Amino acid sequence: MPGKVILGAQWGDEGKGKFIDIFAGKADLVVRSQGGNNAGHTVVAGGEKYKLQLIPSGILYPECVNVIGPGVVVNPKAVLGEIDGLHEKGVSTDKLFIDARCHCIMPWHLELDALSEAEKAKEGTAIGTTKKGIGPTYMDKSERSGIRMHDFVDAERFEEVIRETCARKNRVITGVYGGEPIDADAVIAEYKVYADRLRPMVRDTTVMTYDAIKSGKEVLFEGAQGTLLDLDMGTYPYVTSSHPVAGGCCIGSGVGPTAINEIMGIFKSYTTRVGEGPFPTELFDETGDYIRNAGGEFGTVTGRPRRTGWFDAVVARYAVRVNGLTDVVINKIDPLRGLPKLKVCVAYKLKNGETVTEFPANFMDLVDCEPVYEEFDGFDEDITNCRSFEELPATVQSYIKELERIIECPITMLGVGPARDQVMTIK
C-alpha cells in the first residue's frame, strides 16, 4: 500500500505533531524527509509532553521503525541530546535509523548562521532564522562541500574531513566576518564521541523505506515546517532551506511519487508565522493577542511569540494546489472561542488596486496588500469535549462547511484541543 504524507499547509506550527502521532500509531515506518532541528513537533501522549525536533513521531510506538531520510540535515550533538531526553522518559530508540546521505550540521555552520544573520540585520535584511546552522549546511550541500553522515561515522576519514572543512570555513569566519576561528582539535575531540554513538544507527534508509512500501506496510511521511516556507514555493527569501511541500517528501526520502497515495494538509483555524516576511492577515490588535494566548502560539524550538492573524484561504487554496492535497485537517478551533466574529481572507486587494484570488509568485505583491474578508458568527461554547461533528455548535459547523467550500478540498478531521484524543473525523 502506497504511503501517506502529512504536512503543514501554512507557515508551519499548525499542530502537525498530534495528527502525525495519531497516524504513526497505525504505521509500520515513519520517515522524516527534510529540514533539521529548526523544526519541532509537540506531542501529548499518556499525560506526557514530548517536544520532538529531528526524531520522527513514530518513536513513541515501540513497534514502529523511524527513519531520518537523506533530505534531512542532522546536528549530531542535537540528535543525541534528543535521544538521551527520550531515554530519560523511558522511550526506546532501538528502531531509529539515520540515512548515510544526511548532511551534518557542524559548529562552523552555527557560527556562520549567526554571523550572517547579524550582518543582514545591520542592513535591515535579516530573515529571522533560528540560528541552528540549517541554511549554511544546505549551502554546503548545494556547493558539494558538506560532510555527509557516512563520512562523519567513518573512523578512518573522520579526522581528515573535519580538519579540511574546518580550515576552509575558518577562512570565511575570520576573513569575511572578522569572527573567531573554530578550534579543529576541540571539534575532533568532542564530535568523535558523537560519531561513535551514531555509527550503529547509520544505514541506507531509502532501501528500508522502499522495501516497506513494496511489501505493503503502512508508511507515513512526516512533514516538518510548512508549505509557505518551501525554498521554491514559499514567500522567498523568508523561507527555509529545504522543501516542506509534498514533492519534497519523495526527494528527501529517496522514493518515487508512486509511493504516495494520500496527502493530508494541516491548517489551523487561524494563521500564524514566525520570523520576518509578508503576512497579509496579521493582526496587531487585541484580537491577535487573544488568539496568540488562547492558542499558546509560542515556538516549540525557540519559544518565540508567533505572529497571528485570521485564516487565509488564498494561502489555503495555494497549499491545496501545490501539494496536491487529498484531504485537509482544521486544527486548533478551540482558541477562537469567545470571539464574536470570525474572519476568513478570500482575496487580496493589491496596492495597484487589482484584486487577486491566487497567491502571488512575487511576495512583494503582498506588501501593504489589503485582505478581503468574509465574516462568520463566532461561538462561546466549550468545544474541547466534542468528539463528533454533530456535537459542535451550529456556528462552528457552519464555519467548517464554509471553509471547505472556500478552499475547495474535503475537510476530514478537526482538532478541538491539544491532547491526542481531542480530535474528530468528519468523513
Protein backbone atom coordinates (compact mmCIF):
# COMPACT_ATOMS: atom_id res chain seq x y z
CA MET A 1 0.00 0.00 0.00
CA PRO A 2 1.48 3.39 -1.00
CA GLY A 3 2.24 5.85 1.76
CA LYS A 4 0.55 8.78 3.41
CA VAL A 5 2.04 12.27 3.67
CA ILE A 6 1.09 14.64 6.49
CA LEU A 7 2.43 18.17 6.10
CA GLY A 8 1.99 21.74 7.22
CA ALA A 9 -0.14 23.78 4.84
CA GLN A 10 0.55 27.29 6.18
CA TRP A 11 3.80 28.75 7.58
CA GLY A 12 4.41 25.82 9.92
CA ASP A 13 3.37 25.37 13.57
CA GLU A 14 -0.07 24.08 12.56
CA GLY A 15 -0.03 21.34 15.20
CA LYS A 16 1.08 18.61 12.80
CA GLY A 17 2.69 16.62 15.59
CA LYS A 18 -0.61 15.48 17.08
CA PHE A 19 -2.00 14.22 13.79
CA ILE A 20 1.29 12.67 12.74
CA ASP A 21 1.30 10.92 16.12
CA ILE A 22 -2.25 9.62 15.58
CA PHE A 23 -1.37 8.08 12.22
CA ALA A 24 2.08 6.97 13.39
CA GLY A 25 0.26 4.64 15.77
CA LYS A 26 -1.04 2.79 12.70
CA ALA A 27 2.24 2.94 10.72
CA ASP A 28 5.00 0.38 10.36
CA LEU A 29 7.56 3.01 9.33
CA VAL A 30 7.67 6.80 9.74
CA VAL A 31 10.00 8.94 7.61
CA ARG A 32 11.23 12.48 8.19
CA SER A 33 12.44 13.86 4.86
CA GLN A 34 13.60 17.49 5.20
CA GLY A 35 14.73 20.28 7.50
CA GLY A 36 16.72 19.91 10.69
CA ASN A 37 16.39 20.71 14.37
CA ASN A 38 14.96 24.11 13.45
CA ALA A 39 11.58 22.36 13.22
CA GLY A 40 9.59 20.91 16.09
CA HIS A 41 6.59 18.75 16.84
CA THR A 42 4.86 18.78 20.19
CA VAL A 43 3.01 15.56 21.01
CA VAL A 44 0.96 14.98 24.16
CA ALA A 45 0.68 11.26 24.95
CA GLY A 46 -0.04 9.41 28.18
CA GLY A 47 -0.10 12.70 30.07
CA GLU A 48 3.47 13.39 28.95
CA LYS A 49 4.51 16.19 26.60
CA TYR A 50 7.18 15.34 24.05
CA LYS A 51 8.94 18.06 22.07
CA LEU A 52 10.48 16.33 19.06
CA GLN A 53 12.80 18.19 16.72
CA LEU A 54 14.62 15.69 14.49
CA ILE A 55 13.23 12.35 15.56
CA PRO A 56 10.00 11.15 13.86
CA SER A 57 6.86 10.92 15.97
CA GLY A 58 6.65 7.17 15.46
CA ILE A 59 9.35 6.87 18.10
CA LEU A 60 6.58 6.82 20.73
CA TYR A 61 5.38 3.45 19.38
CA PRO A 62 7.75 0.55 20.19
CA GLU A 63 6.96 -1.47 17.06
CA CYS A 64 7.38 1.43 14.64
CA VAL A 65 10.58 1.91 12.61
CA ASN A 66 11.68 5.55 12.45
CA VAL A 67 13.79 6.94 9.65
CA ILE A 68 15.64 10.24 9.29
CA GLY A 69 15.84 10.41 5.50
CA PRO A 70 18.61 11.71 3.23
CA GLY A 71 16.99 15.13 2.78
CA VAL A 72 17.39 15.98 6.48
CA VAL A 73 20.39 17.88 7.87
CA VAL A 74 21.46 16.41 11.22
CA ASN A 75 23.20 18.11 14.09
CA PRO A 76 24.96 15.14 15.78
CA LYS A 77 25.03 16.82 19.18
CA ALA A 78 21.36 17.84 18.96
CA VAL A 79 20.03 14.47 17.84
CA LEU A 80 21.92 12.68 20.61
CA GLY A 81 20.55 15.17 23.13
CA GLU A 82 17.06 14.38 21.88
CA ILE A 83 17.76 10.65 22.09
CA ASP A 84 19.00 11.00 25.67
CA GLY A 85 15.91 13.01 26.58
CA LEU A 86 13.66 10.25 25.25
CA HIS A 87 15.62 7.62 27.15
CA GLU A 88 15.09 9.58 30.37
CA LYS A 89 11.34 9.26 29.76
CA GLY A 90 11.60 5.54 29.09
CA VAL A 91 11.25 5.76 25.29
CA SER A 92 13.39 3.31 23.29
CA THR A 93 15.29 4.46 20.20
CA ASP A 94 16.37 0.98 19.09
CA LYS A 95 14.36 1.38 15.87
CA LEU A 96 15.70 4.81 14.92
CA PHE A 97 17.88 4.98 11.79
CA ILE A 98 19.69 7.85 10.04
CA ASP A 99 20.44 7.83 6.35
CA ALA A 100 24.11 7.73 5.39
CA ARG A 101 23.49 10.60 2.94
CA CYS A 102 22.29 13.10 5.58
CA HIS A 103 24.49 16.18 5.81
CA CYS A 104 25.93 17.01 9.23
CA ILE A 105 25.46 20.36 10.93
CA MET A 106 28.83 21.27 12.44
CA PRO A 107 29.95 24.09 14.79
CA TRP A 108 31.04 26.29 11.90
CA HIS A 109 27.54 26.15 10.43
CA LEU A 110 26.05 27.56 13.63
CA GLU A 111 28.72 30.26 13.76
CA LEU A 112 28.24 31.25 10.13
CA ASP A 113 24.45 31.30 10.57
CA ALA A 114 24.74 33.73 13.49
CA LEU A 115 27.37 35.92 11.78
CA SER A 116 25.43 36.10 8.52
CA GLU A 117 22.15 36.99 10.24
CA ALA A 118 23.89 39.68 12.31
CA GLU A 119 25.37 41.17 9.15
CA LYS A 120 21.97 41.18 7.43
CA ALA A 121 20.42 42.80 10.49
CA LYS A 122 22.79 45.74 10.07
CA GLU A 123 21.49 46.12 6.50
CA GLY A 124 17.86 45.67 7.52
CA THR A 125 17.54 42.42 5.57
CA ALA A 126 17.53 39.84 8.39
CA ILE A 127 15.39 36.78 7.65
CA GLY A 128 14.79 35.72 11.26
CA THR A 129 16.48 32.31 11.19
CA THR A 130 16.61 30.06 14.25
CA LYS A 131 20.44 30.20 14.05
CA LYS A 132 20.58 26.41 14.14
CA GLY A 133 23.00 26.27 11.20
CA ILE A 134 20.41 24.88 8.82
CA GLY A 135 20.92 27.32 5.92
CA PRO A 136 24.76 27.12 5.88
CA THR A 137 24.55 23.31 5.94
CA TYR A 138 22.21 23.22 2.95
CA MET A 139 24.51 25.74 1.25
CA ASP A 140 27.42 23.33 1.66
CA LYS A 141 25.21 20.54 0.34
CA SER A 142 24.42 22.54 -2.81
CA GLU A 143 28.06 23.57 -3.12
CA ARG A 144 29.02 19.88 -2.83
CA SER A 145 31.41 20.54 0.02
CA GLY A 146 29.42 19.24 3.01
CA ILE A 147 30.13 16.40 5.40
CA ARG A 148 27.68 13.56 4.93
CA MET A 149 26.85 11.14 7.72
CA HIS A 150 28.79 8.29 6.07
CA ASP A 151 31.91 10.49 6.22
CA PHE A 152 31.18 11.51 9.79
CA VAL A 153 30.93 7.95 11.13
CA ASP A 154 33.86 6.63 9.06
CA ALA A 155 36.62 6.25 11.67
CA GLU A 156 39.34 6.48 9.02
CA ARG A 157 38.00 9.59 7.29
CA PHE A 158 36.55 11.42 10.29
CA GLU A 159 39.58 13.49 11.33
CA GLU A 160 40.60 14.26 7.75
CA VAL A 161 37.24 15.71 6.72
CA ILE A 162 36.90 17.69 9.96
CA ARG A 163 40.32 19.33 9.64
CA GLU A 164 39.94 20.07 5.94
CA THR A 165 36.43 21.56 6.26
CA CYS A 166 37.19 23.48 9.45
CA ALA A 167 40.22 25.16 7.86
CA ARG A 168 38.16 26.22 4.85
CA LYS A 169 35.32 27.59 6.98
CA ASN A 170 37.70 29.45 9.29
CA ARG A 171 38.92 31.46 6.32
CA VAL A 172 35.34 32.67 5.81
CA ILE A 173 34.62 33.20 9.50
CA THR A 174 37.75 35.29 10.08
CA GLY A 175 38.27 36.82 6.64
CA VAL A 176 34.69 37.79 5.73
CA TYR A 177 33.03 38.31 9.12
CA GLY A 178 36.00 39.02 11.41
CA GLY A 179 34.91 36.24 13.78
CA GLU A 180 36.95 33.91 15.96
CA PRO A 181 38.24 30.73 14.29
CA ILE A 182 36.86 27.31 15.24
CA ASP A 183 39.36 25.02 17.04
CA ALA A 184 39.56 21.87 14.88
CA ASP A 185 41.21 19.84 17.65
CA ALA A 186 38.39 20.65 20.05
CA VAL A 187 35.77 19.71 17.44
CA ILE A 188 37.52 16.39 16.72
CA ALA A 189 37.74 15.52 20.42
CA GLU A 190 34.07 16.34 21.08
CA TYR A 191 32.48 15.04 17.90
CA LYS A 192 34.37 11.74 17.77
CA VAL A 193 32.27 10.68 20.74
CA TYR A 194 29.11 11.59 18.83
CA ALA A 195 30.27 9.69 15.75
CA ASP A 196 30.91 6.55 17.80
CA ARG A 197 27.40 6.72 19.29
CA LEU A 198 25.65 7.39 15.98
CA ARG A 199 27.53 4.81 13.89
CA PRO A 200 25.17 1.87 14.65
CA MET A 201 22.16 3.93 13.51
CA VAL A 202 23.54 4.92 10.09
CA ARG A 203 22.46 2.99 7.01
CA ASP A 204 20.79 3.33 3.60
CA THR A 205 17.28 4.16 4.77
CA THR A 206 15.98 4.53 1.22
CA VAL A 207 16.13 0.74 0.87
CA MET A 208 14.26 0.31 4.16
CA THR A 209 11.55 2.72 3.03
CA TYR A 210 11.21 1.18 -0.43
CA ASP A 211 11.07 -2.36 0.93
CA ALA A 212 8.39 -1.36 3.45
CA ILE A 213 6.22 0.12 0.70
CA LYS A 214 6.86 -2.80 -1.66
CA SER A 215 5.81 -5.32 0.99
CA GLY A 216 2.53 -3.50 1.65
CA LYS A 217 3.41 -1.98 5.02
CA GLU A 218 1.96 1.29 6.24
CA VAL A 219 4.47 4.10 5.63
CA LEU A 220 3.94 7.64 6.93
CA PHE A 221 5.92 10.56 5.52
CA GLU A 222 6.18 13.17 8.26
CA GLY A 223 6.37 16.78 7.13
CA ALA A 224 8.16 19.50 9.06
CA GLN A 225 7.63 23.27 8.85
CA GLY A 226 5.06 24.42 6.27
CA THR A 227 4.21 24.96 2.61
CA LEU A 228 4.79 28.74 2.65
CA LEU A 229 8.33 28.13 3.96
CA ASP A 230 9.32 25.99 0.96
CA LEU A 231 12.52 27.14 -0.73
CA ASP A 232 10.84 27.32 -4.16
CA MET A 233 7.13 27.69 -3.43
CA GLY A 234 7.25 29.77 -0.24
CA THR A 235 7.48 33.51 0.44
CA TYR A 236 11.10 33.73 -0.73
CA PRO A 237 13.51 34.85 0.68
CA TYR A 238 11.67 34.45 4.00
CA VAL A 239 11.71 30.69 3.71
CA THR A 240 13.60 27.66 4.97
CA SER A 241 16.38 25.92 3.01
CA SER A 242 14.53 22.73 2.11
CA HIS A 243 11.24 21.53 0.60
CA PRO A 244 8.33 21.11 3.06
CA VAL A 245 5.86 20.58 0.17
CA ALA A 246 4.63 17.10 -0.74
CA GLY A 247 7.16 16.69 -3.55
CA GLY A 248 9.97 17.17 -1.04
CA CYS A 249 8.88 14.01 0.75
CA CYS A 250 9.87 11.96 -2.28
CA ILE A 251 13.20 13.68 -2.84
CA GLY A 252 14.08 13.70 0.85
CA SER A 253 13.23 10.05 1.49
CA GLY A 254 14.53 8.55 -1.74
CA VAL A 255 11.30 7.11 -3.18
CA GLY A 256 9.23 8.00 -6.21
CA PRO A 257 5.81 9.71 -6.27
CA THR A 258 4.01 6.41 -6.91
CA ALA A 259 4.89 5.53 -3.30
CA ILE A 260 2.28 8.06 -2.12
CA ASN A 261 -1.49 8.00 -2.49
CA GLU A 262 -2.71 10.28 0.33
CA ILE A 263 -1.56 13.82 1.12
CA MET A 264 -3.09 15.41 4.19
CA GLY A 265 -2.58 19.12 4.83
CA ILE A 266 -2.80 20.50 8.37
CA PHE A 267 -4.21 24.01 8.87
CA LYS A 268 -5.05 25.98 11.97
CA SER A 269 -8.42 27.71 12.09
CA TYR A 270 -6.38 30.91 12.01
CA THR A 271 -2.90 31.71 10.68
CA THR A 272 0.49 32.19 12.32
CA ARG A 273 4.07 32.59 11.26
CA VAL A 274 7.43 33.32 12.89
CA GLY A 275 10.34 35.38 11.66
CA GLU A 276 10.21 38.06 9.03
CA GLY A 277 8.26 38.24 5.79
CA PRO A 278 4.82 39.16 4.45
CA PHE A 279 1.70 38.13 6.34
CA PRO A 280 -1.47 39.65 4.81
CA THR A 281 -3.94 38.71 7.57
CA GLU A 282 -1.68 39.55 10.53
CA LEU A 283 -3.47 41.12 13.50
CA PHE A 284 -1.74 43.80 15.56
CA ASP A 285 -4.66 44.38 17.95
CA GLU A 286 -6.25 42.76 21.00
CA THR A 287 -7.79 40.05 18.83
CA GLY A 288 -4.35 38.94 17.70
CA ASP A 289 -3.13 38.86 21.29
CA TYR A 290 -6.24 36.95 22.35
CA ILE A 291 -5.73 34.22 19.72
CA ARG A 292 -1.99 34.01 20.45
CA ASN A 293 -2.52 33.49 24.16
CA ALA A 294 -5.55 31.21 23.81
CA GLY A 295 -3.70 29.07 21.27
CA GLY A 296 -0.36 29.02 23.09
CA GLU A 297 1.32 30.40 20.00
CA PHE A 298 4.94 30.30 21.09
CA GLY A 299 7.64 28.38 19.21
CA THR A 300 8.31 24.71 20.09
CA VAL A 301 12.03 25.12 19.46
CA THR A 302 12.66 28.84 20.08
CA GLY A 303 9.87 29.93 22.43
CA ARG A 304 9.34 32.99 20.22
CA PRO A 305 5.82 34.52 20.13
CA ARG A 306 4.24 33.76 16.79
CA ARG A 307 2.70 36.44 14.61
CA THR A 308 -1.04 35.78 14.50
CA GLY A 309 -3.85 36.52 12.05
CA TRP A 310 -7.14 35.36 10.56
CA PHE A 311 -7.44 32.23 8.41
CA ASP A 312 -6.07 32.93 4.93
CA ALA A 313 -7.99 30.96 2.30
CA VAL A 314 -5.81 32.33 -0.51
CA VAL A 315 -2.88 30.58 1.16
CA ALA A 316 -5.06 27.52 1.77
CA ARG A 317 -6.08 27.13 -1.88
CA TYR A 318 -2.44 27.58 -2.87
CA ALA A 319 -1.41 24.81 -0.46
CA VAL A 320 -4.12 22.53 -1.85
CA ARG A 321 -2.80 23.12 -5.37
CA VAL A 322 0.98 22.90 -4.92
CA ASN A 323 0.81 19.86 -2.63
CA GLY A 324 -1.99 18.03 -4.42
CA LEU A 325 -3.82 17.68 -1.10
CA THR A 326 -6.35 14.87 -0.95
CA ASP A 327 -7.80 16.00 2.37
CA VAL A 328 -7.48 18.70 4.99
CA VAL A 329 -7.39 18.91 8.79
CA ILE A 330 -8.53 22.08 10.54
CA ASN A 331 -6.75 22.14 13.88
CA LYS A 332 -6.99 24.37 16.95
CA ILE A 333 -10.54 25.60 16.56
CA ASP A 334 -10.95 25.93 20.34
CA PRO A 335 -8.77 29.09 20.69
CA LEU A 336 -11.37 31.03 18.68
CA ARG A 337 -13.93 30.58 21.45
CA GLY A 338 -15.26 33.89 22.72
CA LEU A 339 -14.70 35.91 19.55
CA PRO A 340 -17.97 37.45 18.32
CA LYS A 341 -17.00 37.25 14.64
CA LEU A 342 -14.61 35.01 12.68
CA LYS A 343 -13.00 36.30 9.52
CA VAL A 344 -11.63 34.40 6.52
CA CYS A 345 -9.49 36.09 3.87
CA VAL A 346 -10.75 35.12 0.40
CA ALA A 347 -8.76 37.55 -1.79
CA TYR A 348 -6.08 40.25 -1.72
CA LYS A 349 -6.50 43.81 -2.92
CA LEU A 350 -3.06 44.84 -4.16
CA LYS A 351 -1.53 48.31 -3.98
CA ASN A 352 -2.29 48.86 -7.68
CA GLY A 353 -5.99 48.31 -6.97
CA GLU A 354 -6.16 44.83 -8.52
CA THR A 355 -7.99 42.13 -6.54
CA VAL A 356 -6.49 38.63 -6.80
CA THR A 357 -7.67 35.26 -5.50
CA GLU A 358 -4.48 33.32 -6.34
CA PHE A 359 -1.36 33.56 -4.19
CA PRO A 360 1.19 35.80 -5.98
CA ALA A 361 4.52 34.37 -7.15
CA ASN A 362 6.22 37.67 -6.21
CA PHE A 363 5.98 38.17 -2.47
CA MET A 364 6.42 41.93 -2.98
CA ASP A 365 2.82 41.95 -4.22
CA LEU A 366 1.84 41.10 -0.64
CA VAL A 367 3.49 44.16 0.86
CA ASP A 368 0.77 46.53 2.04
CA CYS A 369 -1.92 44.50 0.27
CA GLU A 370 -5.38 44.58 1.82
CA PRO A 371 -7.07 41.28 2.73
CA VAL A 372 -10.64 40.84 1.51
CA TYR A 373 -12.66 39.06 4.20
CA GLU A 374 -15.80 37.01 4.52
CA GLU A 375 -17.24 37.15 8.05
CA PHE A 376 -18.92 34.43 10.11
CA ASP A 377 -20.55 34.22 13.53
CA GLY A 378 -18.30 33.20 16.41
CA PHE A 379 -19.06 30.87 19.32
CA ASP A 380 -18.89 30.93 23.12
CA GLU A 381 -19.33 27.23 23.88
CA ASP A 382 -16.52 24.97 25.17
CA ILE A 383 -15.90 22.51 22.33
CA THR A 384 -12.89 20.69 23.79
CA ASN A 385 -15.01 17.68 24.80
CA CYS A 386 -16.79 17.33 21.45
CA ARG A 387 -15.89 14.13 19.59
CA SER A 388 -18.29 14.27 16.65
CA PHE A 389 -19.17 16.97 14.17
CA GLU A 390 -22.81 16.89 15.27
CA GLU A 391 -21.81 17.81 18.84
CA LEU A 392 -20.27 21.09 17.71
CA PRO A 393 -22.26 24.33 17.97
CA ALA A 394 -24.14 25.24 14.80
CA THR A 395 -21.88 28.27 14.26
CA VAL A 396 -18.75 26.08 14.31
CA GLN A 397 -20.32 23.57 11.94
CA SER A 398 -21.20 26.40 9.59
CA TYR A 399 -17.67 27.84 9.80
CA ILE A 400 -16.11 24.46 8.86
CA LYS A 401 -18.53 23.91 5.98
CA GLU A 402 -17.78 27.36 4.62
CA LEU A 403 -14.01 26.77 4.89
CA GLU A 404 -14.41 23.55 2.91
CA ARG A 405 -16.34 25.41 0.22
CA ILE A 406 -13.80 28.21 0.02
CA ILE A 407 -10.60 26.11 -0.02
CA GLU A 408 -12.06 23.51 -2.39
CA CYS A 409 -10.76 20.43 -0.60
CA PRO A 410 -12.51 17.95 1.72
CA ILE A 411 -12.06 18.67 5.44
CA THR A 412 -11.88 15.22 7.03
CA MET A 413 -10.64 15.86 10.58
CA LEU A 414 -10.85 18.59 13.23
CA GLY A 415 -8.72 19.34 16.28
CA VAL A 416 -10.52 20.78 19.31
CA GLY A 417 -7.71 20.64 21.91
CA PRO A 418 -4.03 19.73 22.38
CA ALA A 419 -4.40 16.10 23.52
CA ARG A 420 -4.24 13.12 21.19
CA ASP A 421 -7.91 12.27 21.76
CA GLN A 422 -9.22 15.82 21.20
CA VAL A 423 -9.89 15.18 17.51
CA MET A 424 -12.81 14.12 15.39
CA THR A 425 -13.21 12.53 11.98
CA ILE A 426 -15.84 14.10 9.73
CA LYS A 427 -15.64 11.85 6.66
